[in-house]
Structure formats: structure tokens, C-alpha cells
Amino acid sequence: MAELVAPRFPATACFHAQQSAEKALKAILYSSGERVVLGHSLAALGEAVQSHSGSFAELAPEVSKLDRYYIPTRYPNSLPEGTDPSSAFDGADAAVAMQSAAAAVQFARGFLSSD
């Protein structure tokens, strides 16, 4: 979805990138036997993933940066007055977000295929 909307709606692409990384990390945690995985913070989810796969530590700082797109891309009142998501996030933001999300998804695929 992020790739489809990025050219016209980069803020929306940033949000979907965050969501795909979140789902990827949660898939790792569920496949590792966790039964209750709550929250949306990629930093926190990444810490939990590291307890199952220490190699995620290299990727964690990049993926956790996607946390900045969870709320402000959808809720204009979380941005400075007079700013809206469409002016706060641009194509460069979307490109970086999609690259980080792709890295998280790729890591999850590798982790899940090794089980």
C-alpha cells in the first residue's frame, strides 16, 4: 500500500510503512510463542524481537525511527499549529520509511522461514 500511495500521498505512505514494520515484528513475536503482543512502538517491539533474535539489534535503530510516523501522519492535531500531514511529510520521508519497513519485512521473512 505504501508504494501505491507514495507518489500522491507521502504521509499516508509513511503511515503504511510503519504499519507493515509493526506487523512484521509482531509476526516474529507470535511465531516465537508470545501470545499477547500489545502496542505500536517499534522501539519496544524491536527490543522484544531482540530477545528472540539478537541479530535484529543491527536493524533496530533504523526500524524504530518509523515510530515517528504512527500518530502525526494521521492526526493533524499532533503537529505544530498550521501544519498538516501532507505538508509535514514529503516523498523523501516516504522513501526512507518504505526502505526501513522493507528491511523489517525482509528480516521477518528470514526469521519465519528459519523456524
N, C-alpha and C. Protein backbone atom coordinates (compact mmCIF):
# COMPACT_ATOMS: atom_id res chain seq x y z
N MET A 1 0.82 -1.18 0.00
CA MET A 1 0.00 0.00 0.00
C MET A 1 0.87 1.25 0.00
N ALA A 2 1.92 1.24 0.80
CA ALA A 2 2.80 2.41 0.87
C ALA A 2 3.34 2.77 -0.51
N GLU A 3 3.77 1.77 -1.25
CA GLU A 3 4.31 2.03 -2.58
C GLU A 3 3.26 2.61 -3.52
N LEU A 4 2.04 2.16 -3.40
CA LEU A 4 0.97 2.64 -4.27
C LEU A 4 0.62 4.10 -4.02
N VAL A 5 0.60 4.51 -2.77
CA VAL A 5 0.14 5.86 -2.44
C VAL A 5 1.28 6.87 -2.33
N ALA A 6 2.51 6.42 -2.27
CA ALA A 6 3.65 7.32 -2.04
C ALA A 6 3.73 8.50 -3.01
N PRO A 7 3.51 8.32 -4.30
CA PRO A 7 3.66 9.47 -5.19
C PRO A 7 2.69 10.63 -4.90
N ARG A 8 1.47 10.32 -4.49
CA ARG A 8 0.49 11.38 -4.26
C ARG A 8 0.27 11.70 -2.79
N PHE A 9 0.49 10.71 -1.93
CA PHE A 9 0.18 10.88 -0.51
C PHE A 9 1.34 10.35 0.34
N PRO A 10 2.45 11.08 0.39
CA PRO A 10 3.61 10.57 1.12
C PRO A 10 3.37 10.36 2.61
N ALA A 11 2.54 11.18 3.24
CA ALA A 11 2.25 10.98 4.67
C ALA A 11 1.55 9.65 4.89
N THR A 12 0.63 9.33 4.01
CA THR A 12 -0.07 8.04 4.10
C THR A 12 0.89 6.89 3.86
N ALA A 13 1.81 7.07 2.94
CA ALA A 13 2.82 6.04 2.69
C ALA A 13 3.68 5.82 3.92
N CYS A 14 4.04 6.89 4.61
CA CYS A 14 4.83 6.77 5.83
C CYS A 14 4.07 5.97 6.89
N PHE A 15 2.78 6.25 7.02
CA PHE A 15 1.96 5.51 7.98
C PHE A 15 1.93 4.02 7.62
N HIS A 16 1.67 3.71 6.37
CA HIS A 16 1.59 2.30 5.97
C HIS A 16 2.94 1.59 6.10
N ALA A 17 4.02 2.32 5.91
CA ALA A 17 5.34 1.73 6.13
C ALA A 17 5.49 1.34 7.60
N GLN A 18 5.10 2.25 8.48
CA GLN A 18 5.17 1.95 9.92
C GLN A 18 4.33 0.72 10.24
N GLN A 19 3.13 0.67 9.68
CA GLN A 19 2.23 -0.45 9.95
C GLN A 19 2.80 -1.78 9.46
N SER A 20 3.43 -1.78 8.28
CA SER A 20 3.98 -3.04 7.77
C SER A 20 5.14 -3.52 8.64
N ALA A 21 5.96 -2.59 9.10
CA ALA A 21 7.05 -2.99 10.00
C ALA A 21 6.49 -3.52 11.32
N GLU A 22 5.46 -2.86 11.83
CA GLU A 22 4.84 -3.31 13.08
C GLU A 22 4.31 -4.73 12.94
N LYS A 23 3.61 -5.00 11.85
CA LYS A 23 3.06 -6.34 11.64
C LYS A 23 4.17 -7.37 11.48
N ALA A 24 5.27 -6.98 10.82
CA ALA A 24 6.38 -7.91 10.65
C ALA A 24 7.00 -8.29 12.00
N LEU A 25 7.22 -7.28 12.85
CA LEU A 25 7.80 -7.58 14.16
C LEU A 25 6.85 -8.40 15.02
N LYS A 26 5.57 -8.09 14.95
CA LYS A 26 4.60 -8.88 15.71
C LYS A 26 4.54 -10.32 15.21
N ALA A 27 4.71 -10.53 13.92
CA ALA A 27 4.73 -11.90 13.38
C ALA A 27 5.88 -12.69 13.98
N ILE A 28 7.03 -12.04 14.12
CA ILE A 28 8.19 -12.70 14.74
C ILE A 28 7.86 -13.10 16.18
N LEU A 29 7.26 -12.17 16.91
CA LEU A 29 6.96 -12.43 18.32
C LEU A 29 5.93 -13.54 18.47
N TYR A 30 4.88 -13.49 17.66
CA TYR A 30 3.86 -14.56 17.74
C TYR A 30 4.46 -15.91 17.35
N SER A 31 5.30 -15.92 16.32
CA SER A 31 5.89 -17.20 15.90
C SER A 31 6.87 -17.73 16.93
N SER A 32 7.35 -16.85 17.80
CA SER A 32 8.28 -17.25 18.86
C SER A 32 7.57 -17.72 20.11
N GLY A 33 6.24 -17.77 20.05
CA GLY A 33 5.47 -18.30 21.17
C GLY A 33 4.78 -17.27 22.03
N GLU A 34 5.00 -16.00 21.78
CA GLU A 34 4.30 -14.99 22.58
C GLU A 34 2.82 -15.01 22.21
N ARG A 35 1.98 -14.82 23.18
CA ARG A 35 0.54 -14.90 22.94
C ARG A 35 -0.16 -13.55 23.04
N VAL A 36 0.39 -12.65 23.78
CA VAL A 36 -0.19 -11.31 23.89
C VAL A 36 0.90 -10.32 23.50
N VAL A 37 0.70 -9.70 22.35
CA VAL A 37 1.66 -8.71 21.86
C VAL A 37 0.88 -7.43 21.64
N LEU A 38 1.08 -6.48 22.55
CA LEU A 38 0.33 -5.23 22.50
C LEU A 38 1.26 -4.08 22.18
N GLY A 39 0.69 -3.01 21.73
CA GLY A 39 1.44 -1.79 21.50
C GLY A 39 1.80 -1.59 20.04
N HIS A 40 2.22 -0.37 19.76
CA HIS A 40 2.54 0.01 18.40
C HIS A 40 3.96 0.52 18.26
N SER A 41 4.67 0.66 19.36
CA SER A 41 6.02 1.21 19.33
C SER A 41 6.99 0.20 18.73
N LEU A 42 7.60 0.58 17.62
CA LEU A 42 8.58 -0.31 17.00
C LEU A 42 9.84 -0.43 17.84
N ALA A 43 10.15 0.60 18.60
CA ALA A 43 11.30 0.52 19.50
C ALA A 43 11.06 -0.58 20.54
N ALA A 44 9.87 -0.58 21.15
CA ALA A 44 9.56 -1.59 22.16
C ALA A 44 9.43 -2.98 21.54
N LEU A 45 8.76 -3.07 20.41
CA LEU A 45 8.63 -4.36 19.74
C LEU A 45 10.00 -4.88 19.31
N GLY A 46 10.85 -3.97 18.87
CA GLY A 46 12.20 -4.36 18.46
C GLY A 46 13.00 -4.93 19.62
N GLU A 47 12.85 -4.35 20.80
CA GLU A 47 13.53 -4.90 21.97
C GLU A 47 13.06 -6.32 22.25
N ALA A 48 11.76 -6.55 22.12
CA ALA A 48 11.22 -7.89 22.34
C ALA A 48 11.74 -8.86 21.27
N VAL A 49 11.81 -8.40 20.04
CA VAL A 49 12.33 -9.24 18.95
C VAL A 49 13.78 -9.62 19.23
N GLN A 50 14.56 -8.68 19.75
CA GLN A 50 15.97 -8.96 20.03
C GLN A 50 16.14 -10.08 21.05
N SER A 51 15.16 -10.27 21.91
CA SER A 51 15.26 -11.37 22.88
C SER A 51 15.12 -12.73 22.19
N HIS A 52 14.57 -12.73 20.98
CA HIS A 52 14.42 -13.97 20.21
C HIS A 52 15.46 -14.08 19.10
N SER A 53 15.97 -12.93 18.68
CA SER A 53 16.97 -12.91 17.62
C SER A 53 17.88 -11.70 17.83
N GLY A 54 19.02 -11.96 18.41
CA GLY A 54 19.97 -10.89 18.70
C GLY A 54 20.43 -10.15 17.46
N SER A 55 20.34 -10.78 16.29
CA SER A 55 20.80 -10.12 15.07
C SER A 55 19.91 -8.94 14.66
N PHE A 56 18.74 -8.84 15.27
CA PHE A 56 17.87 -7.69 14.96
C PHE A 56 18.47 -6.40 15.51
N ALA A 57 19.39 -6.50 16.43
CA ALA A 57 19.99 -5.31 17.06
C ALA A 57 20.57 -4.36 16.03
N GLU A 58 21.13 -4.89 14.93
CA GLU A 58 21.70 -4.04 13.89
C GLU A 58 20.63 -3.21 13.19
N LEU A 59 19.46 -3.79 13.04
CA LEU A 59 18.37 -3.15 12.30
C LEU A 59 17.47 -2.30 13.18
N ALA A 60 17.49 -2.56 14.47
CA ALA A 60 16.57 -1.90 15.40
C ALA A 60 16.59 -0.38 15.33
N PRO A 61 17.74 0.28 15.30
CA PRO A 61 17.70 1.75 15.26
C PRO A 61 17.00 2.30 14.02
N GLU A 62 17.22 1.67 12.88
CA GLU A 62 16.57 2.11 11.64
C GLU A 62 15.06 1.90 11.71
N VAL A 63 14.65 0.73 12.15
CA VAL A 63 13.22 0.42 12.20
C VAL A 63 12.50 1.26 13.24
N SER A 64 13.14 1.51 14.37
CA SER A 64 12.48 2.28 15.42
C SER A 64 12.20 3.72 14.99
N LYS A 65 12.93 4.23 14.02
CA LYS A 65 12.67 5.58 13.51
C LYS A 65 11.29 5.68 12.87
N LEU A 66 10.73 4.56 12.47
CA LEU A 66 9.38 4.56 11.89
C LEU A 66 8.32 4.96 12.91
N ASP A 67 8.65 4.90 14.19
CA ASP A 67 7.70 5.31 15.24
C ASP A 67 7.23 6.75 15.03
N ARG A 68 8.06 7.57 14.44
CA ARG A 68 7.69 8.98 14.25
C ARG A 68 6.54 9.15 13.26
N TYR A 69 6.18 8.09 12.55
CA TYR A 69 5.11 8.19 11.56
C TYR A 69 3.78 7.63 12.03
N TYR A 70 3.73 7.04 13.20
CA TYR A 70 2.50 6.38 13.63
C TYR A 70 1.36 7.36 13.88
N ILE A 71 1.57 8.38 14.66
CA ILE A 71 0.49 9.31 15.01
C ILE A 71 0.44 10.54 14.11
N PRO A 72 1.53 11.26 13.90
CA PRO A 72 1.42 12.52 13.17
C PRO A 72 1.00 12.40 11.70
N THR A 73 1.17 11.23 11.11
CA THR A 73 0.74 11.08 9.72
C THR A 73 -0.78 10.98 9.59
N ARG A 74 -1.45 10.71 10.71
CA ARG A 74 -2.90 10.55 10.68
C ARG A 74 -3.65 11.60 11.46
N TYR A 75 -3.02 12.20 12.44
CA TYR A 75 -3.71 13.14 13.31
C TYR A 75 -3.06 14.52 13.24
N PRO A 76 -3.64 15.42 12.48
CA PRO A 76 -3.04 16.75 12.34
C PRO A 76 -2.84 17.49 13.65
N ASN A 77 -3.67 17.23 14.66
CA ASN A 77 -3.51 17.94 15.92
C ASN A 77 -2.25 17.53 16.68
N SER A 78 -1.55 16.53 16.20
CA SER A 78 -0.29 16.15 16.83
C SER A 78 0.89 16.92 16.24
N LEU A 79 0.63 17.70 15.21
CA LEU A 79 1.66 18.51 14.57
C LEU A 79 1.56 19.96 15.02
N PRO A 80 2.59 20.74 14.79
CA PRO A 80 2.51 22.17 15.15
C PRO A 80 1.31 22.85 14.45
N GLU A 81 0.76 23.82 15.10
CA GLU A 81 -0.41 24.52 14.56
C GLU A 81 -0.13 25.04 13.16
N GLY A 82 -1.09 24.85 12.28
CA GLY A 82 -0.95 25.30 10.90
C GLY A 82 -0.27 24.29 9.99
N THR A 83 0.12 23.16 10.55
CA THR A 83 0.78 22.12 9.77
C THR A 83 -0.16 20.93 9.65
N ASP A 84 -0.16 20.32 8.49
CA ASP A 84 -0.94 19.10 8.33
C ASP A 84 -0.01 18.02 7.79
N PRO A 85 -0.44 16.76 7.86
CA PRO A 85 0.45 15.68 7.42
C PRO A 85 0.96 15.85 5.99
N SER A 86 0.11 16.38 5.11
CA SER A 86 0.55 16.49 3.71
C SER A 86 1.68 17.50 3.53
N SER A 87 1.80 18.45 4.43
CA SER A 87 2.91 19.39 4.32
C SER A 87 4.08 19.02 5.24
N ALA A 88 3.85 18.15 6.18
CA ALA A 88 4.90 17.77 7.13
C ALA A 88 5.76 16.61 6.62
N PHE A 89 5.22 15.82 5.70
CA PHE A 89 5.94 14.64 5.20
C PHE A 89 5.97 14.69 3.69
N ASP A 90 7.15 14.42 3.13
CA ASP A 90 7.29 14.50 1.68
C ASP A 90 7.76 13.17 1.10
N GLY A 91 8.03 13.19 -0.19
CA GLY A 91 8.45 11.97 -0.87
C GLY A 91 9.72 11.37 -0.32
N ALA A 92 10.63 12.23 0.14
CA ALA A 92 11.88 11.72 0.73
C ALA A 92 11.59 10.96 2.02
N ASP A 93 10.66 11.50 2.82
CA ASP A 93 10.26 10.79 4.05
C ASP A 93 9.67 9.44 3.70
N ALA A 94 8.79 9.43 2.71
CA ALA A 94 8.13 8.18 2.30
C ALA A 94 9.16 7.17 1.81
N ALA A 95 10.14 7.61 1.03
CA ALA A 95 11.15 6.69 0.51
C ALA A 95 11.96 6.06 1.63
N VAL A 96 12.38 6.87 2.59
CA VAL A 96 13.15 6.34 3.72
C VAL A 96 12.29 5.40 4.56
N ALA A 97 11.04 5.79 4.80
CA ALA A 97 10.13 4.95 5.60
C ALA A 97 9.91 3.60 4.91
N MET A 98 9.70 3.62 3.61
CA MET A 98 9.45 2.36 2.90
C MET A 98 10.70 1.48 2.89
N GLN A 99 11.87 2.10 2.81
CA GLN A 99 13.12 1.34 2.85
C GLN A 99 13.30 0.66 4.22
N SER A 100 13.02 1.39 5.28
CA SER A 100 13.13 0.83 6.63
C SER A 100 12.11 -0.28 6.85
N ALA A 101 10.90 -0.05 6.38
CA ALA A 101 9.85 -1.07 6.52
C ALA A 101 10.21 -2.32 5.73
N ALA A 102 10.74 -2.13 4.53
CA ALA A 102 11.14 -3.29 3.72
C ALA A 102 12.23 -4.09 4.43
N ALA A 103 13.13 -3.42 5.10
CA ALA A 103 14.18 -4.13 5.85
C ALA A 103 13.57 -4.95 6.98
N ALA A 104 12.57 -4.39 7.68
CA ALA A 104 11.91 -5.13 8.76
C ALA A 104 11.16 -6.33 8.20
N VAL A 105 10.46 -6.15 7.10
CA VAL A 105 9.71 -7.25 6.49
C VAL A 105 10.66 -8.34 6.01
N GLN A 106 11.76 -7.93 5.39
CA GLN A 106 12.75 -8.91 4.92
C GLN A 106 13.33 -9.68 6.11
N PHE A 107 13.63 -8.98 7.19
CA PHE A 107 14.15 -9.67 8.38
C PHE A 107 13.13 -10.67 8.89
N ALA A 108 11.87 -10.27 8.96
CA ALA A 108 10.82 -11.16 9.45
C ALA A 108 10.67 -12.37 8.54
N ARG A 109 10.72 -12.17 7.26
CA ARG A 109 10.63 -13.31 6.33
C ARG A 109 11.75 -14.30 6.58
N GLY A 110 12.95 -13.78 6.74
CA GLY A 110 14.08 -14.66 7.01
C GLY A 110 13.92 -15.40 8.33
N PHE A 111 13.48 -14.68 9.34
CA PHE A 111 13.28 -15.29 10.66
C PHE A 111 12.21 -16.37 10.58
N LEU A 112 11.09 -16.06 9.94
CA LEU A 112 9.98 -17.00 9.88
C LEU A 112 10.30 -18.23 9.03
N SER A 113 11.12 -18.07 8.00
CA SER A 113 11.46 -19.20 7.16
C SER A 113 12.50 -20.11 7.81
N SER A 114 13.18 -19.61 8.84
CA SER A 114 14.18 -20.44 9.51
C SER A 114 13.60 -21.28 10.64
N ASP A 115 12.33 -21.05 10.95
CA ASP A 115 11.69 -21.85 12.03
C ASP A 115 11.46 -23.27 11.63
